[in-house]
Amino acid sequence: MIDAQRTASDTASKPRGFAALSIPDLITIGVFTAIYFVLVAVCTFASAIIFAGFGSILLPALCALVAGCVYMLLVARLGKFGGITVMGLVMGLFFLVSGHFVLAFLANIVCAVAADLIAAVGKYRSKIGILISYVVFSYGLTGPILPLWFMKDAYVASLEAKGKDAAYIDGVFAQVNTGSFWLAMAAILVCALIGGWFGQRMMRKHFAKAGII
């Protein structure tokens, strides 16, 4: 009897956030990752139209603005370590196999793991902690654009290898400067905070009432 009580006490005190992922958990992660991927794809086309020459630079910020609900729902449904990491891993692998630099993969996985750990500190229940984790996660999408500022020669060489002419390359780098870098970073911060807050608000007002979480 005492052993059973001790076992129950140990189970209750064990951090829920680091429980092993089950098959249903992986299915849940897969569904939300697919939705997130679709949103990123839609934002890619929308950003090119809305922001013109700043399209690629402001793409991560636009994604951060619209994907907050997906992120918050994943965290609420899963409530354990691994979901955020897997989502970032999938996005990083996609960028890698689609011809981006390794930096695109590294940025996604590093930011995803960091975001997962931040959310885990509050056992995936702290609203502020989850919001901060979303901000960190959103910076993972800077992976494909960071080479514009920090690997220009390699980026130009890759474009030339794909047969792009000088006019096209000049257009790609037309808005690439120190000011646009800080604009992109600040825009991600602001948009992730707004998108994350909106996601949490929608979750409380609609998804919880509907029994989705």
Protein backbone atom coordinates (compact mmCIF):
# COMPACT_ATOMS: atom_id res chain seq x y z
CA MET A 1 0.00 0.00 0.00
CA ILE A 2 2.82 2.37 0.94
CA ASP A 3 4.72 1.45 -2.24
CA ALA A 4 1.64 2.12 -4.33
CA GLN A 5 1.16 5.50 -2.71
CA ARG A 6 4.83 6.33 -3.23
CA THR A 7 4.56 5.34 -6.90
CA ALA A 8 1.48 7.50 -7.37
CA SER A 9 3.22 10.40 -5.66
CA ASP A 10 6.30 10.02 -7.88
CA THR A 11 4.11 9.92 -10.98
CA ALA A 12 2.24 13.05 -9.93
CA SER A 13 5.46 14.95 -9.24
CA LYS A 14 7.09 13.89 -12.52
CA PRO A 15 7.20 16.79 -15.00
CA ARG A 16 4.33 16.22 -17.45
CA GLY A 17 6.12 18.31 -20.02
CA PHE A 18 8.84 15.70 -20.60
CA ALA A 19 6.67 12.59 -20.96
CA ALA A 20 7.42 10.32 -23.90
CA LEU A 21 5.61 11.00 -27.17
CA SER A 22 3.01 8.40 -28.13
CA ILE A 23 1.67 7.46 -31.57
CA PRO A 24 -1.41 9.71 -31.12
CA ASP A 25 0.97 12.52 -30.11
CA LEU A 26 2.97 12.08 -33.31
CA ILE A 27 -0.25 12.14 -35.35
CA THR A 28 -1.26 15.37 -33.62
CA ILE A 29 2.16 16.89 -34.33
CA GLY A 30 1.90 15.79 -37.96
CA VAL A 31 -1.50 17.41 -38.42
CA PHE A 32 -0.46 20.76 -36.96
CA THR A 33 2.86 20.70 -38.78
CA ALA A 34 1.02 20.17 -42.06
CA ILE A 35 -1.28 23.11 -41.31
CA TYR A 36 1.71 25.27 -40.39
CA PHE A 37 3.47 24.28 -43.61
CA VAL A 38 0.42 25.28 -45.67
CA LEU A 39 0.28 28.66 -43.91
CA VAL A 40 3.97 29.26 -44.67
CA ALA A 41 3.36 28.40 -48.32
CA VAL A 42 0.39 30.77 -48.54
CA CYS A 43 2.38 33.51 -46.81
CA THR A 44 5.22 33.03 -49.29
CA PHE A 45 2.96 33.93 -52.20
CA ALA A 46 1.15 36.68 -50.30
CA SER A 47 4.39 38.28 -49.13
CA ALA A 48 5.73 38.51 -52.68
CA ILE A 49 2.58 40.36 -53.72
CA ILE A 50 2.07 42.58 -50.67
CA PHE A 51 5.66 43.57 -49.90
CA ALA A 52 7.12 43.48 -53.43
CA GLY A 53 10.92 43.87 -53.10
CA PHE A 54 10.74 43.20 -49.35
CA GLY A 55 8.79 39.97 -49.86
CA SER A 56 11.44 37.47 -48.78
CA ILE A 57 12.77 39.75 -46.04
CA LEU A 58 9.38 40.19 -44.37
CA LEU A 59 8.11 36.66 -45.00
CA PRO A 60 9.07 35.33 -41.53
CA ALA A 61 7.21 38.22 -39.90
CA LEU A 62 4.06 37.56 -41.94
CA CYS A 63 4.20 33.87 -41.02
CA ALA A 64 4.60 34.77 -37.36
CA LEU A 65 1.52 36.98 -37.59
CA VAL A 66 -0.82 34.37 -39.07
CA ALA A 67 0.42 31.09 -37.54
CA GLY A 68 -0.12 31.88 -33.85
CA CYS A 69 -3.34 29.87 -33.58
CA VAL A 70 -1.70 26.74 -34.99
CA TYR A 71 1.21 26.98 -32.57
CA MET A 72 -0.98 27.61 -29.53
CA LEU A 73 -3.31 24.75 -30.40
CA LEU A 74 -0.38 22.36 -30.80
CA VAL A 75 1.02 23.33 -27.41
CA ALA A 76 -2.40 23.07 -25.73
CA ARG A 77 -3.26 19.70 -27.29
CA LEU A 78 0.15 18.13 -26.74
CA GLY A 79 1.42 19.65 -23.50
CA LYS A 80 4.78 17.90 -23.61
CA PHE A 81 8.28 18.27 -24.99
CA GLY A 82 8.88 17.31 -28.60
CA GLY A 83 6.01 18.75 -30.59
CA ILE A 84 7.57 22.15 -31.22
CA THR A 85 10.94 20.55 -31.93
CA VAL A 86 9.48 18.15 -34.49
CA MET A 87 7.62 20.98 -36.24
CA GLY A 88 10.85 22.96 -36.54
CA LEU A 89 12.75 19.87 -37.68
CA VAL A 90 10.26 19.20 -40.48
CA MET A 91 10.42 22.80 -41.69
CA GLY A 92 14.22 22.76 -41.55
CA LEU A 93 14.39 19.52 -43.54
CA PHE A 94 12.04 20.95 -46.14
CA PHE A 95 14.26 23.99 -46.62
CA LEU A 96 17.33 21.78 -46.80
CA VAL A 97 15.97 19.41 -49.47
CA SER A 98 14.50 22.31 -51.47
CA GLY A 99 17.95 23.74 -52.08
CA HIS A 100 18.48 26.26 -49.27
CA PHE A 101 21.71 26.54 -47.32
CA VAL A 102 22.35 24.37 -44.25
CA LEU A 103 21.82 27.53 -42.20
CA ALA A 104 18.09 27.28 -43.02
CA PHE A 105 17.96 23.87 -41.35
CA LEU A 106 20.09 24.89 -38.38
CA ALA A 107 18.08 28.03 -37.64
CA ASN A 108 14.81 26.09 -37.61
CA ILE A 109 15.99 23.27 -35.37
CA VAL A 110 17.90 25.52 -32.93
CA CYS A 111 14.97 27.92 -32.52
CA ALA A 112 12.48 25.05 -32.26
CA VAL A 113 14.43 23.25 -29.52
CA ALA A 114 14.92 26.52 -27.63
CA ALA A 115 11.19 27.31 -27.94
CA ASP A 116 10.29 23.82 -26.71
CA LEU A 117 12.55 24.20 -23.67
CA ILE A 118 11.14 27.66 -22.86
CA ALA A 119 7.57 26.32 -22.98
CA ALA A 120 8.61 23.30 -20.90
CA VAL A 121 9.83 25.54 -18.07
CA GLY A 122 6.21 26.48 -17.41
CA LYS A 123 5.06 22.91 -18.11
CA TYR A 124 3.31 24.19 -21.24
CA ARG A 125 0.78 26.07 -19.13
CA SER A 126 2.40 29.50 -18.67
CA LYS A 127 0.80 31.96 -21.10
CA ILE A 128 3.81 34.27 -21.02
CA GLY A 129 6.24 31.37 -21.37
CA ILE A 130 4.38 29.96 -24.37
CA LEU A 131 4.18 33.40 -25.97
CA ILE A 132 7.94 33.87 -25.57
CA SER A 133 8.52 30.40 -26.98
CA TYR A 134 6.45 31.32 -30.03
CA VAL A 135 8.56 34.42 -30.60
CA VAL A 136 11.73 32.31 -30.46
CA PHE A 137 10.22 29.66 -32.73
CA SER A 138 9.24 32.30 -35.29
CA TYR A 139 12.89 33.32 -35.74
CA GLY A 140 13.56 29.86 -37.17
CA LEU A 141 12.10 31.01 -40.49
CA THR A 142 14.95 33.49 -40.84
CA GLY A 143 17.15 30.57 -41.89
CA PRO A 144 16.50 30.93 -45.64
CA ILE A 145 17.06 34.71 -45.64
CA LEU A 146 20.05 35.09 -43.30
CA PRO A 147 22.49 34.17 -46.11
CA LEU A 148 21.36 37.32 -47.92
CA TRP A 149 23.26 39.34 -45.31
CA PHE A 150 25.89 36.93 -44.02
CA MET A 151 26.69 34.66 -47.01
CA LYS A 152 26.25 37.00 -49.97
CA ASP A 153 29.00 35.56 -52.15
CA ALA A 154 27.75 31.99 -51.65
CA TYR A 155 24.17 33.12 -52.26
CA VAL A 156 25.13 34.88 -55.50
CA ALA A 157 27.06 31.80 -56.61
CA SER A 158 24.03 29.59 -55.96
CA LEU A 159 21.80 31.89 -58.00
CA GLU A 160 24.30 31.92 -60.87
CA ALA A 161 24.43 28.13 -60.75
CA LYS A 162 20.66 28.13 -61.22
CA GLY A 163 21.05 30.25 -64.34
CA LYS A 164 19.89 33.59 -62.89
CA ASP A 165 21.20 36.67 -64.69
CA ALA A 166 22.79 39.77 -63.18
CA ALA A 167 19.56 41.79 -63.32
CA TYR A 168 17.71 39.16 -61.29
CA ILE A 169 20.51 38.92 -58.73
CA ASP A 170 20.66 42.70 -58.37
CA GLY A 171 16.91 42.69 -57.73
CA VAL A 172 17.27 40.06 -55.00
CA PHE A 173 19.84 42.16 -53.16
CA ALA A 174 18.27 45.55 -53.86
CA GLN A 175 16.81 45.83 -50.34
CA VAL A 176 19.52 43.89 -48.52
CA ASN A 177 21.36 46.19 -46.12
CA THR A 178 21.86 46.73 -42.41
CA GLY A 179 18.62 48.66 -42.09
CA SER A 180 16.53 45.94 -43.71
CA PHE A 181 18.14 43.33 -41.47
CA TRP A 182 17.04 45.11 -38.31
CA LEU A 183 13.66 45.82 -39.87
CA ALA A 184 13.16 42.11 -40.50
CA MET A 185 14.22 41.13 -36.98
CA ALA A 186 12.01 43.77 -35.34
CA ALA A 187 9.06 42.88 -37.55
CA ILE A 188 9.30 39.22 -36.49
CA LEU A 189 9.29 40.22 -32.83
CA VAL A 190 6.25 42.47 -33.16
CA CYS A 191 4.30 40.13 -35.43
CA ALA A 192 5.05 37.06 -33.31
CA LEU A 193 3.84 38.84 -30.18
CA ILE A 194 0.64 39.92 -31.94
CA GLY A 195 0.11 36.56 -33.63
CA GLY A 196 0.81 34.64 -30.43
CA TRP A 197 -1.47 36.85 -28.35
CA PHE A 198 -4.23 36.52 -30.93
CA GLY A 199 -3.76 32.74 -30.98
CA GLN A 200 -4.08 32.53 -27.21
CA ARG A 201 -7.16 34.75 -27.27
CA MET A 202 -8.84 32.65 -29.97
CA MET A 203 -7.97 29.51 -28.06
CA ARG A 204 -9.68 30.75 -24.90
CA LYS A 205 -12.73 32.26 -26.59
CA HIS A 206 -13.51 29.70 -29.25
CA PHE A 207 -11.46 26.51 -29.28
CA ALA A 208 -11.86 25.77 -25.55
CA LYS A 209 -15.65 26.30 -25.76
CA ALA A 210 -15.83 24.07 -28.81
CA GLY A 211 -14.01 21.29 -26.95
CA ILE A 212 -11.06 21.29 -29.37
CA ILE A 213 -8.64 21.64 -26.44
